[in-house]
């Protein structure tokens, strides 16, 4: 995928500060200067790692991927069957835990830039592809163990994420908690139907 590592502590600190600022003020109002103020750092030091605001946004998209991939980290995974791992991931995808991983307003602001910036478009596609690939692997493992009956794990993973993406886009407009939970339950049930669990 050609992703840059955000493991360098200072680099990650800058991205997190930029993310927190974007949450408070909106991505369009976040800047290198304001980010520097947030963490009491010289703007020139930020520019050592990120030359422009665009570079900061590119780093932010990488950070989104790192956060979203946490959904696949299941404690005690080695002791669980492949269907148990898959079921836990589906539960997480259609839960508050998934939605709370990253702020919707920042995520959608980044996503809107895909229509104007080819680099961000490519990075976002990489984010979405990585998520689908992780789910595809889990589905393929279950299929190999004859725990589910799906024709094509890649297509099934793609359809589940189409459900996830559409669900949270719509649910971001719902403020009533009961209605939110009811819709989320319906979407999760549809995802489970796609898996055709034996």
Foldseek 3Di string as FASTA:
>chain_A
DPDDDCPPVVSVLLLVLQQVVCVVPNNVPGFLVVSCVSVVHDSVVNCVVPVGSVSSLLVNLVVVLVLQCVLQDDPPVVVDALVVSLVSSLVCLLDVNNVPSGPPRRVVSLVVCLVPDVSSVVSNVVSVVVQLVSQLVSLVSCVVVVQFDADHSSVLSVVLVVLSVVLVVVLVPDDDPVVNNVSSVVSSVVSVVSRRGD
